[in-house]
Full PDB file with SEQRES, HELIX, SHEET, SSBOND, CRYST1, ORIGX, SCALE, CONECT and MASTER records, all heavy atoms in Angstrom:
SEQRES   1 A   37  GLU ILE PRO VAL VAL THR GLY LEU GLY ASP ALA VAL THR          
SEQRES   2 A   37  PHE GLY ALA TYR GLY GLU ALA SER GLU GLN ILE SER PHE          
SEQRES   3 A   37  LEU ASN HIS TYR PHE PRO GLY ALA PRO ASP ASN                  
HELIX    1 AA1 ALA A   11  GLN A   23  5                                  13    
SHEET    1 AA1 2 VAL A   4  GLY A   7  0                                        
SHEET    2 AA1 2 ILE A  24  LEU A  27  1                                        
CRYST1    1.000    1.000    1.000  90.00  90.00  90.00 P 1           1          
ORIGX1      1.000000  0.000000  0.000000        0.00000                         
ORIGX2      0.000000  1.000000  0.000000        0.00000                         
ORIGX3      0.000000  0.000000  1.000000        0.00000                         
SCALE1      1.000000  0.000000  0.000000        0.00000                         
SCALE2      0.000000  1.000000  0.000000        0.00000                         
SCALE3      0.000000  0.000000  1.000000        0.00000                         
ATOM      1  N   GLU A   1      17.870   0.187  -0.575  1.00  0.00           N  
ATOM      2  CA  GLU A   1      18.853   0.244   0.497  1.00  0.00           C  
ATOM      3  C   GLU A   1      18.698   1.432   1.437  1.00  0.00           C  
ATOM      4  O   GLU A   1      19.083   1.356   2.606  1.00  0.00           O  
ATOM      5  CB  GLU A   1      20.270   0.280  -0.112  1.00  0.00           C  
ATOM      6  CG  GLU A   1      20.634  -0.939  -0.941  1.00  0.00           C  
ATOM      7  CD  GLU A   1      20.721  -2.204  -0.111  1.00  0.00           C  
ATOM      8  OE1 GLU A   1      21.079  -2.105   1.078  1.00  0.00           O  
ATOM      9  OE2 GLU A   1      20.426  -3.291  -0.650  1.00  0.00           O  
ATOM     10  N   ILE A   2      18.145   2.538   0.933  1.00  0.00           N  
ATOM     11  CA  ILE A   2      18.183   3.795   1.680  1.00  0.00           C  
ATOM     12  C   ILE A   2      16.809   4.455   1.670  1.00  0.00           C  
ATOM     13  O   ILE A   2      16.150   4.490   0.626  1.00  0.00           O  
ATOM     14  CB  ILE A   2      19.200   4.771   1.049  1.00  0.00           C  
ATOM     15  CG1 ILE A   2      20.564   4.097   0.905  1.00  0.00           C  
ATOM     16  CG2 ILE A   2      19.321   6.051   1.880  1.00  0.00           C  
ATOM     17  CD1 ILE A   2      21.507   4.848  -0.016  1.00  0.00           C  
ATOM     18  N   PRO A   3      16.335   4.993   2.798  1.00  0.00           N  
ATOM     19  CA  PRO A   3      15.088   5.759   2.792  1.00  0.00           C  
ATOM     20  C   PRO A   3      15.231   6.994   1.895  1.00  0.00           C  
ATOM     21  O   PRO A   3      16.220   7.727   1.980  1.00  0.00           O  
ATOM     22  CB  PRO A   3      14.903   6.164   4.259  1.00  0.00           C  
ATOM     23  CG  PRO A   3      15.740   5.181   5.033  1.00  0.00           C  
ATOM     24  CD  PRO A   3      16.898   4.856   4.153  1.00  0.00           C  
ATOM     25  N   VAL A   4      14.250   7.198   1.049  1.00  0.00           N  
ATOM     26  CA  VAL A   4      14.279   8.315   0.103  1.00  0.00           C  
ATOM     27  C   VAL A   4      13.022   9.160   0.276  1.00  0.00           C  
ATOM     28  O   VAL A   4      11.906   8.640   0.320  1.00  0.00           O  
ATOM     29  CB  VAL A   4      14.359   7.808  -1.350  1.00  0.00           C  
ATOM     30  CG1 VAL A   4      14.259   8.978  -2.333  1.00  0.00           C  
ATOM     31  CG2 VAL A   4      15.665   7.038  -1.581  1.00  0.00           C  
ATOM     32  N   VAL A   5      13.218  10.472   0.388  1.00  0.00           N  
ATOM     33  CA  VAL A   5      12.089  11.386   0.463  1.00  0.00           C  
ATOM     34  C   VAL A   5      12.226  12.412  -0.657  1.00  0.00           C  
ATOM     35  O   VAL A   5      13.334  12.852  -0.974  1.00  0.00           O  
ATOM     36  CB  VAL A   5      12.011  12.089   1.839  1.00  0.00           C  
ATOM     37  CG1 VAL A   5      13.249  12.919   2.100  1.00  0.00           C  
ATOM     38  CG2 VAL A   5      10.764  12.954   1.938  1.00  0.00           C  
ATOM     39  N   THR A   6      11.122  12.760  -1.277  1.00  0.00           N  
ATOM     40  CA  THR A   6      11.133  13.755  -2.341  1.00  0.00           C  
ATOM     41  C   THR A   6       9.800  14.474  -2.395  1.00  0.00           C  
ATOM     42  O   THR A   6       8.817  14.032  -1.786  1.00  0.00           O  
ATOM     43  CB  THR A   6      11.437  13.101  -3.702  1.00  0.00           C  
ATOM     44  OG1 THR A   6      11.737  14.119  -4.668  1.00  0.00           O  
ATOM     45  CG2 THR A   6      10.262  12.262  -4.187  1.00  0.00           C  
ATOM     46  N   GLY A   7       9.792  15.551  -3.118  1.00  0.00           N  
ATOM     47  CA  GLY A   7       8.546  16.272  -3.311  1.00  0.00           C  
ATOM     48  C   GLY A   7       7.694  15.606  -4.372  1.00  0.00           C  
ATOM     49  O   GLY A   7       8.204  15.199  -5.419  1.00  0.00           O  
ATOM     50  N   LEU A   8       6.405  15.482  -4.093  1.00  0.00           N  
ATOM     51  CA  LEU A   8       5.491  14.943  -5.096  1.00  0.00           C  
ATOM     52  C   LEU A   8       5.181  16.043  -6.101  1.00  0.00           C  
ATOM     53  O   LEU A   8       4.692  17.110  -5.735  1.00  0.00           O  
ATOM     54  CB  LEU A   8       4.204  14.447  -4.435  1.00  0.00           C  
ATOM     55  CG  LEU A   8       3.201  13.776  -5.381  1.00  0.00           C  
ATOM     56  CD1 LEU A   8       3.785  12.494  -5.982  1.00  0.00           C  
ATOM     57  CD2 LEU A   8       1.897  13.465  -4.656  1.00  0.00           C  
ATOM     58  N   GLY A   9       5.490  15.783  -7.355  1.00  0.00           N  
ATOM     59  CA  GLY A   9       5.309  16.782  -8.397  1.00  0.00           C  
ATOM     60  C   GLY A   9       3.877  16.870  -8.879  1.00  0.00           C  
ATOM     61  O   GLY A   9       2.925  16.466  -8.196  1.00  0.00           O  
ATOM     62  N   ASP A  10       3.724  17.391 -10.094  1.00  0.00           N  
ATOM     63  CA  ASP A  10       2.378  17.516 -10.649  1.00  0.00           C  
ATOM     64  C   ASP A  10       1.895  16.172 -11.171  1.00  0.00           C  
ATOM     65  O   ASP A  10       2.635  15.180 -11.210  1.00  0.00           O  
ATOM     66  CB  ASP A  10       2.326  18.600 -11.729  1.00  0.00           C  
ATOM     67  CG  ASP A  10       3.361  18.405 -12.823  1.00  0.00           C  
ATOM     68  OD1 ASP A  10       4.246  17.541 -12.679  1.00  0.00           O  
ATOM     69  OD2 ASP A  10       3.280  19.114 -13.843  1.00  0.00           O  
ATOM     70  N   ALA A  11       0.638  16.119 -11.582  1.00  0.00           N  
ATOM     71  CA  ALA A  11      -0.017  14.854 -11.905  1.00  0.00           C  
ATOM     72  C   ALA A  11       0.679  14.079 -13.010  1.00  0.00           C  
ATOM     73  O   ALA A  11       0.658  12.844 -13.017  1.00  0.00           O  
ATOM     74  CB  ALA A  11      -1.476  15.105 -12.285  1.00  0.00           C  
ATOM     75  N   VAL A  12       1.318  14.794 -13.935  1.00  0.00           N  
ATOM     76  CA  VAL A  12       1.970  14.115 -15.047  1.00  0.00           C  
ATOM     77  C   VAL A  12       3.132  13.248 -14.573  1.00  0.00           C  
ATOM     78  O   VAL A  12       3.552  12.326 -15.265  1.00  0.00           O  
ATOM     79  CB  VAL A  12       2.451  15.149 -16.097  1.00  0.00           C  
ATOM     80  CG1 VAL A  12       3.650  15.919 -15.602  1.00  0.00           C  
ATOM     81  CG2 VAL A  12       2.740  14.478 -17.435  1.00  0.00           C  
ATOM     82  N   THR A  13       3.651  13.502 -13.372  1.00  0.00           N  
ATOM     83  CA  THR A  13       4.787  12.732 -12.857  1.00  0.00           C  
ATOM     84  C   THR A  13       4.370  11.533 -12.014  1.00  0.00           C  
ATOM     85  O   THR A  13       5.231  10.745 -11.616  1.00  0.00           O  
ATOM     86  CB  THR A  13       5.704  13.620 -11.992  1.00  0.00           C  
ATOM     87  OG1 THR A  13       5.022  13.981 -10.776  1.00  0.00           O  
ATOM     88  CG2 THR A  13       6.112  14.869 -12.743  1.00  0.00           C  
ATOM     89  N   PHE A  14       3.095  11.392 -11.718  1.00  0.00           N  
ATOM     90  CA  PHE A  14       2.673  10.334 -10.794  1.00  0.00           C  
ATOM     91  C   PHE A  14       3.070   8.940 -11.280  1.00  0.00           C  
ATOM     92  O   PHE A  14       3.323   8.049 -10.483  1.00  0.00           O  
ATOM     93  CB  PHE A  14       1.161  10.381 -10.558  1.00  0.00           C  
ATOM     94  CG  PHE A  14       0.679  11.585  -9.799  1.00  0.00           C  
ATOM     95  CD1 PHE A  14      -0.681  11.858  -9.695  1.00  0.00           C  
ATOM     96  CD2 PHE A  14       1.569  12.455  -9.191  1.00  0.00           C  
ATOM     97  CE1 PHE A  14      -1.135  12.974  -9.006  1.00  0.00           C  
ATOM     98  CE2 PHE A  14       1.124  13.574  -8.510  1.00  0.00           C  
ATOM     99  CZ  PHE A  14      -0.233  13.831  -8.420  1.00  0.00           C  
ATOM    100  N   GLY A  15       3.096   8.737 -12.575  1.00  0.00           N  
ATOM    101  CA  GLY A  15       3.461   7.424 -13.107  1.00  0.00           C  
ATOM    102  C   GLY A  15       4.945   7.243 -13.306  1.00  0.00           C  
ATOM    103  O   GLY A  15       5.393   6.158 -13.695  1.00  0.00           O  
ATOM    104  N   ALA A  16       5.726   8.297 -13.034  1.00  0.00           N  
ATOM    105  CA  ALA A  16       7.161   8.239 -13.319  1.00  0.00           C  
ATOM    106  C   ALA A  16       7.928   7.346 -12.355  1.00  0.00           C  
ATOM    107  O   ALA A  16       9.019   6.882 -12.676  1.00  0.00           O  
ATOM    108  CB  ALA A  16       7.751   9.648 -13.278  1.00  0.00           C  
ATOM    109  N   TYR A  17       7.367   7.096 -11.192  1.00  0.00           N  
ATOM    110  CA  TYR A  17       8.085   6.337 -10.173  1.00  0.00           C  
ATOM    111  C   TYR A  17       7.907   4.830 -10.344  1.00  0.00           C  
ATOM    112  O   TYR A  17       8.648   4.041  -9.775  1.00  0.00           O  
ATOM    113  CB  TYR A  17       7.600   6.762  -8.780  1.00  0.00           C  
ATOM    114  CG  TYR A  17       7.571   8.253  -8.580  1.00  0.00           C  
ATOM    115  CD1 TYR A  17       6.381   8.965  -8.715  1.00  0.00           C  
ATOM    116  CD2 TYR A  17       8.722   8.963  -8.265  1.00  0.00           C  
ATOM    117  CE1 TYR A  17       6.344  10.342  -8.533  1.00  0.00           C  
ATOM    118  CE2 TYR A  17       8.695  10.336  -8.095  1.00  0.00           C  
ATOM    119  CZ  TYR A  17       7.496  11.032  -8.236  1.00  0.00           C  
ATOM    120  OH  TYR A  17       7.462  12.382  -8.071  1.00  0.00           O  
ATOM    121  N   GLY A  18       6.892   4.424 -11.108  1.00  0.00           N  
ATOM    122  CA  GLY A  18       6.655   3.009 -11.371  1.00  0.00           C  
ATOM    123  C   GLY A  18       6.468   2.212 -10.098  1.00  0.00           C  
ATOM    124  O   GLY A  18       5.820   2.652  -9.145  1.00  0.00           O  
ATOM    125  N   GLU A  19       7.076   1.038 -10.061  1.00  0.00           N  
ATOM    126  CA  GLU A  19       6.951   0.171  -8.893  1.00  0.00           C  
ATOM    127  C   GLU A  19       7.625   0.761  -7.656  1.00  0.00           C  
ATOM    128  O   GLU A  19       7.368   0.320  -6.537  1.00  0.00           O  
ATOM    129  CB  GLU A  19       7.555  -1.202  -9.201  1.00  0.00           C  
ATOM    130  CG  GLU A  19       6.804  -1.966 -10.293  1.00  0.00           C  
ATOM    131  CD  GLU A  19       7.414  -3.325 -10.559  1.00  0.00           C  
ATOM    132  OE1 GLU A  19       8.444  -3.653  -9.905  1.00  0.00           O  
ATOM    133  OE2 GLU A  19       6.883  -4.057 -11.408  1.00  0.00           O  
ATOM    134  N   ALA A  20       8.466   1.759  -7.880  1.00  0.00           N  
ATOM    135  CA  ALA A  20       9.161   2.384  -6.752  1.00  0.00           C  
ATOM    136  C   ALA A  20       8.254   3.285  -5.937  1.00  0.00           C  
ATOM    137  O   ALA A  20       8.630   3.727  -4.846  1.00  0.00           O  
ATOM    138  CB  ALA A  20      10.343   3.194  -7.270  1.00  0.00           C  
ATOM    139  N   SER A  21       7.071   3.568  -6.425  1.00  0.00           N  
ATOM    140  CA  SER A  21       6.184   4.530  -5.778  1.00  0.00           C  
ATOM    141  C   SER A  21       5.989   4.256  -4.297  1.00  0.00           C  
ATOM    142  O   SER A  21       6.018   5.168  -3.471  1.00  0.00           O  
ATOM    143  CB  SER A  21       4.821   4.549  -6.478  1.00  0.00           C  
ATOM    144  OG  SER A  21       4.954   4.961  -7.819  1.00  0.00           O  
ATOM    145  N   GLU A  22       5.781   2.999  -3.941  1.00  0.00           N  
ATOM    146  CA  GLU A  22       5.482   2.645  -2.549  1.00  0.00           C  
ATOM    147  C   GLU A  22       6.730   2.665  -1.668  1.00  0.00           C  
ATOM    148  O   GLU A  22       6.627   2.537  -0.447  1.00  0.00           O  
ATOM    149  CB  GLU A  22       4.799   1.288  -2.490  1.00  0.00           C  
ATOM    150  CG  GLU A  22       3.437   1.284  -3.181  1.00  0.00           C  
ATOM    151  CD  GLU A  22       2.743  -0.065  -3.129  1.00  0.00           C  
ATOM    152  OE1 GLU A  22       3.375  -1.035  -2.646  1.00  0.00           O  
ATOM    153  OE2 GLU A  22       1.600  -0.142  -3.559  1.00  0.00           O  
ATOM    154  N   GLN A  23       7.916   2.853  -2.282  1.00  0.00           N  
ATOM    155  CA  GLN A  23       9.155   2.907  -1.509  1.00  0.00           C  
ATOM    156  C   GLN A  23       9.585   4.337  -1.193  1.00  0.00           C  
ATOM    157  O   GLN A  23      10.573   4.533  -0.490  1.00  0.00           O  
ATOM    158  CB  GLN A  23      10.280   2.201  -2.281  1.00  0.00           C  
ATOM    159  CG  GLN A  23      10.048   0.712  -2.509  1.00  0.00           C  
ATOM    160  CD  GLN A  23      11.137   0.116  -3.388  1.00  0.00           C  
ATOM    161  OE1 GLN A  23      11.049   0.143  -4.610  1.00  0.00           O  
ATOM    162  NE2 GLN A  23      12.175  -0.396  -2.748  1.00  0.00           N  
ATOM    163  N   ILE A  24       8.865   5.299  -1.716  1.00  0.00           N  
ATOM    164  CA  ILE A  24       9.248   6.700  -1.570  1.00  0.00           C  
ATOM    165  C   ILE A  24       8.296   7.402  -0.609  1.00  0.00           C  
ATOM    166  O   ILE A  24       7.084   7.203  -0.664  1.00  0.00           O  
ATOM    167  CB  ILE A  24       9.215   7.413  -2.933  1.00  0.00           C  
ATOM    168  CG1 ILE A  24      10.121   6.697  -3.943  1.00  0.00           C  
ATOM    169  CG2 ILE A  24       9.635   8.873  -2.792  1.00  0.00           C  
ATOM    170  CD1 ILE A  24       9.959   7.203  -5.360  1.00  0.00           C  
ATOM    171  N   SER A  25       8.859   8.240   0.265  1.00  0.00           N  
ATOM    172  CA  SER A  25       8.052   9.110   1.119  1.00  0.00           C  
ATOM    173  C   SER A  25       7.932  10.462   0.426  1.00  0.00           C  
ATOM    174  O   SER A  25       8.944  11.064   0.055  1.00  0.00           O  
ATOM    175  CB  SER A  25       8.710   9.285   2.490  1.00  0.00           C  
ATOM    176  OG  SER A  25       8.768   8.054   3.178  1.00  0.00           O  
ATOM    177  N   PHE A  26       6.715  10.940   0.246  1.00  0.00           N  
ATOM    178  CA  PHE A  26       6.498  12.167  -0.511  1.00  0.00           C  
ATOM    179  C   PHE A  26       6.078  13.323   0.395  1.00  0.00           C  
ATOM    180  O   PHE A  26       5.102  13.210   1.138  1.00  0.00           O  
ATOM    181  CB  PHE A  26       5.406  11.961  -1.566  1.00  0.00           C  
ATOM    182  CG  PHE A  26       5.790  11.013  -2.672  1.00  0.00           C  
ATOM    183  CD1 PHE A  26       5.357   9.692  -2.647  1.00  0.00           C  
ATOM    184  CD2 PHE A  26       6.570  11.432  -3.737  1.00  0.00           C  
ATOM    185  CE1 PHE A  26       5.696   8.817  -3.657  1.00  0.00           C  
ATOM    186  CE2 PHE A  26       6.909  10.571  -4.756  1.00  0.00           C  
ATOM    187  CZ  PHE A  26       6.475   9.246  -4.721  1.00  0.00           C  
ATOM    188  N   LEU A  27       6.834  14.421   0.301  1.00  0.00           N  
ATOM    189  CA  LEU A  27       6.329  15.675   0.842  1.00  0.00           C  
ATOM    190  C   LEU A  27       5.561  16.341  -0.294  1.00  0.00           C  
ATOM    191  O   LEU A  27       5.812  16.091  -1.467  1.00  0.00           O  
ATOM    192  CB  LEU A  27       7.488  16.560   1.327  1.00  0.00           C  
ATOM    193  CG  LEU A  27       8.510  16.998   0.271  1.00  0.00           C  
ATOM    194  CD1 LEU A  27       8.163  18.359  -0.316  1.00  0.00           C  
ATOM    195  CD2 LEU A  27       9.910  17.013   0.869  1.00  0.00           C  
ATOM    196  N   ASN A  28       4.618  17.192   0.040  1.00  0.00           N  
ATOM    197  CA  ASN A  28       3.768  17.742  -1.015  1.00  0.00           C  
ATOM    198  C   ASN A  28       3.325  19.162  -0.701  1.00  0.00           C  
ATOM    199  O   ASN A  28       2.983  19.481   0.431  1.00  0.00           O  
ATOM    200  CB  ASN A  28       2.544  16.838  -1.210  1.00  0.00           C  
ATOM    201  CG  ASN A  28       1.596  17.350  -2.278  1.00  0.00           C  
ATOM    202  OD1 ASN A  28       0.467  17.728  -1.967  1.00  0.00           O  
ATOM    203  ND2 ASN A  28       2.025  17.391  -3.514  1.00  0.00           N  
ATOM    204  N   HIS A  29       3.343  19.977  -1.736  1.00  0.00           N  
ATOM    205  CA  HIS A  29       2.866  21.364  -1.658  1.00  0.00           C  
ATOM    206  C   HIS A  29       1.353  21.416  -1.839  1.00  0.00           C  
ATOM    207  O   HIS A  29       0.653  22.123  -1.114  1.00  0.00           O  
ATOM    208  CB  HIS A  29       3.578  22.178  -2.738  1.00  0.00           C  
ATOM    209  CG  HIS A  29       2.989  23.515  -3.025  1.00  0.00           C  
ATOM    210  ND1 HIS A  29       2.680  24.433  -2.038  1.00  0.00           N  
ATOM    211  CD2 HIS A  29       2.645  24.110  -4.207  1.00  0.00           C  
ATOM    212  CE1 HIS A  29       2.196  25.523  -2.594  1.00  0.00           C  
ATOM    213  NE2 HIS A  29       2.144  25.358  -3.903  1.00  0.00           N  
ATOM    214  N   TYR A  30       0.838  20.648  -2.809  1.00  0.00           N  
ATOM    215  CA  TYR A  30      -0.608  20.662  -3.061  1.00  0.00           C  
ATOM    216  C   TYR A  30      -0.995  19.566  -4.040  1.00  0.00           C  
ATOM    217  O   TYR A  30      -0.293  19.279  -4.996  1.00  0.00           O  
ATOM    218  CB  TYR A  30      -1.036  22.014  -3.660  1.00  0.00           C  
ATOM    219  CG  TYR A  30      -2.498  22.056  -4.083  1.00  0.00           C  
ATOM    220  CD1 TYR A  30      -3.497  22.344  -3.158  1.00  0.00           C  
ATOM    221  CD2 TYR A  30      -2.872  21.776  -5.394  1.00  0.00           C  
ATOM    222  CE1 TYR A  30      -4.839  22.369  -3.539  1.00  0.00           C  
ATOM    223  CE2 TYR A  30      -4.203  21.800  -5.788  1.00  0.00           C  
ATOM    224  CZ  TYR A  30      -5.185  22.097  -4.854  1.00  0.00           C  
ATOM    225  OH  TYR A  30      -6.514  22.110  -5.222  1.00  0.00           O  
ATOM    226  N   PHE A  31      -2.115  18.907  -3.752  1.00  0.00           N  
ATOM    227  CA  PHE A  31      -2.885  18.190  -4.768  1.00  0.00           C  
ATOM    228  C   PHE A  31      -4.354  18.410  -4.406  1.00  0.00           C  
ATOM    229  O   PHE A  31      -4.676  18.717  -3.256  1.00  0.00           O  
ATOM    230  CB  PHE A  31      -2.492  16.703  -4.852  1.00  0.00           C  
ATOM    231  CG  PHE A  31      -2.931  15.845  -3.687  1.00  0.00           C  
ATOM    232  CD1 PHE A  31      -4.137  15.151  -3.716  1.00  0.00           C  
ATOM    233  CD2 PHE A  31      -2.119  15.700  -2.565  1.00  0.00           C  
ATOM    234  CE1 PHE A  31      -4.540  14.354  -2.656  1.00  0.00           C  
ATOM    235  CE2 PHE A  31      -2.507  14.908  -1.494  1.00  0.00           C  
ATOM    236  CZ  PHE A  31      -3.729  14.228  -1.543  1.00  0.00           C  
ATOM    237  N   PRO A  32      -5.262  18.324  -5.361  1.00  0.00           N  
ATOM    238  CA  PRO A  32      -6.641  18.771  -5.122  1.00  0.00           C  
ATOM    239  C   PRO A  32      -7.330  18.129  -3.937  1.00  0.00           C  
ATOM    240  O   PRO A  32      -8.193  18.747  -3.309  1.00  0.00           O  
ATOM    241  CB  PRO A  32      -7.351  18.434  -6.439  1.00  0.00           C  
ATOM    242  CG  PRO A  32      -6.275  18.492  -7.464  1.00  0.00           C  
ATOM    243  CD  PRO A  32      -5.038  17.963  -6.781  1.00  0.00           C  
ATOM    244  N   GLY A  33      -6.944  16.882  -3.596  1.00  0.00           N  
ATOM    245  CA  GLY A  33      -7.610  16.197  -2.496  1.00  0.00           C  
ATOM    246  C   GLY A  33      -7.006  16.452  -1.133  1.00  0.00           C  
ATOM    247  O   GLY A  33      -7.510  15.931  -0.127  1.00  0.00           O  
ATOM    248  N   ALA A  34      -5.948  17.255  -1.051  1.00  0.00           N  
ATOM    249  CA  ALA A  34      -5.285  17.469   0.238  1.00  0.00           C  
ATOM    250  C   ALA A  34      -6.042  18.430   1.149  1.00  0.00           C  
ATOM    251  O   ALA A  34      -6.379  18.074   2.279  1.00  0.00           O  
ATOM    252  CB  ALA A  34      -3.845  17.934   0.019  1.00  0.00           C  
ATOM    253  N   PRO A  35      -6.337  19.651   0.715  1.00  0.00           N  
ATOM    254  CA  PRO A  35      -7.065  20.574   1.606  1.00  0.00           C  
ATOM    255  C   PRO A  35      -8.553  20.241   1.637  1.00  0.00           C  
ATOM    256  O   PRO A  35      -9.097  19.652   0.693  1.00  0.00           O  
ATOM    257  CB  PRO A  35      -6.847  21.952   0.942  1.00  0.00           C  
ATOM    258  CG  PRO A  35      -5.851  21.753  -0.138  1.00  0.00           C  
ATOM    259  CD  PRO A  35      -5.942  20.322  -0.537  1.00  0.00           C  
ATOM    260  N   ASP A  36      -9.200  20.655   2.697  1.00  0.00           N  
ATOM    261  CA  ASP A  36     -10.648  20.476   2.836  1.00  0.00           C  
ATOM    262  C   ASP A  36     -11.248  21.798   3.288  1.00  0.00           C  
ATOM    263  O   ASP A  36     -11.389  22.059   4.483  1.00  0.00           O  
ATOM    264  CB  ASP A  36     -10.947  19.353   3.842  1.00  0.00           C  
ATOM    265  CG  ASP A  36     -12.445  19.094   3.986  1.00  0.00           C  
ATOM    266  OD1 ASP A  36     -13.216  19.575   3.143  1.00  0.00           O  
ATOM    267  OD2 ASP A  36     -12.838  18.410   4.959  1.00  0.00           O  
ATOM    268  N   ASN A  37     -11.548  22.674   2.334  1.00  0.00           N  
ATOM    269  CA  ASN A  37     -12.130  23.975   2.664  1.00  0.00           C  
ATOM    270  C   ASN A  37     -12.900  24.517   1.469  1.00  0.00           C  
ATOM    271  O   ASN A  37     -12.752  24.043   0.339  1.00  0.00           O  
ATOM    272  CB  ASN A  37     -11.054  24.967   3.124  1.00  0.00           C  
ATOM    273  CG  ASN A  37     -10.026  25.250   2.053  1.00  0.00           C  
ATOM    274  OD1 ASN A  37     -10.319  25.884   1.046  1.00  0.00           O  
ATOM    275  ND2 ASN A  37      -8.801  24.776   2.261  1.00  0.00           N  
TER     276      ASN A  37                                                      
MASTER        0    0    0    1    2    0    0    6  275    1    0    3          
END                                                                             
C-alpha cells in the first residue's frame, strides 16, 4: 500500500526481506560492488 525506503544492511540481512525485496527502495552506505576505485 505504501512506498517504503530503508537502509540496506549487511549481507546476512539480504534474505530477510523475502519476496518483499523488489518492493523496497534501499539507501546504502556500502557494499563491495558499489564503489569503483
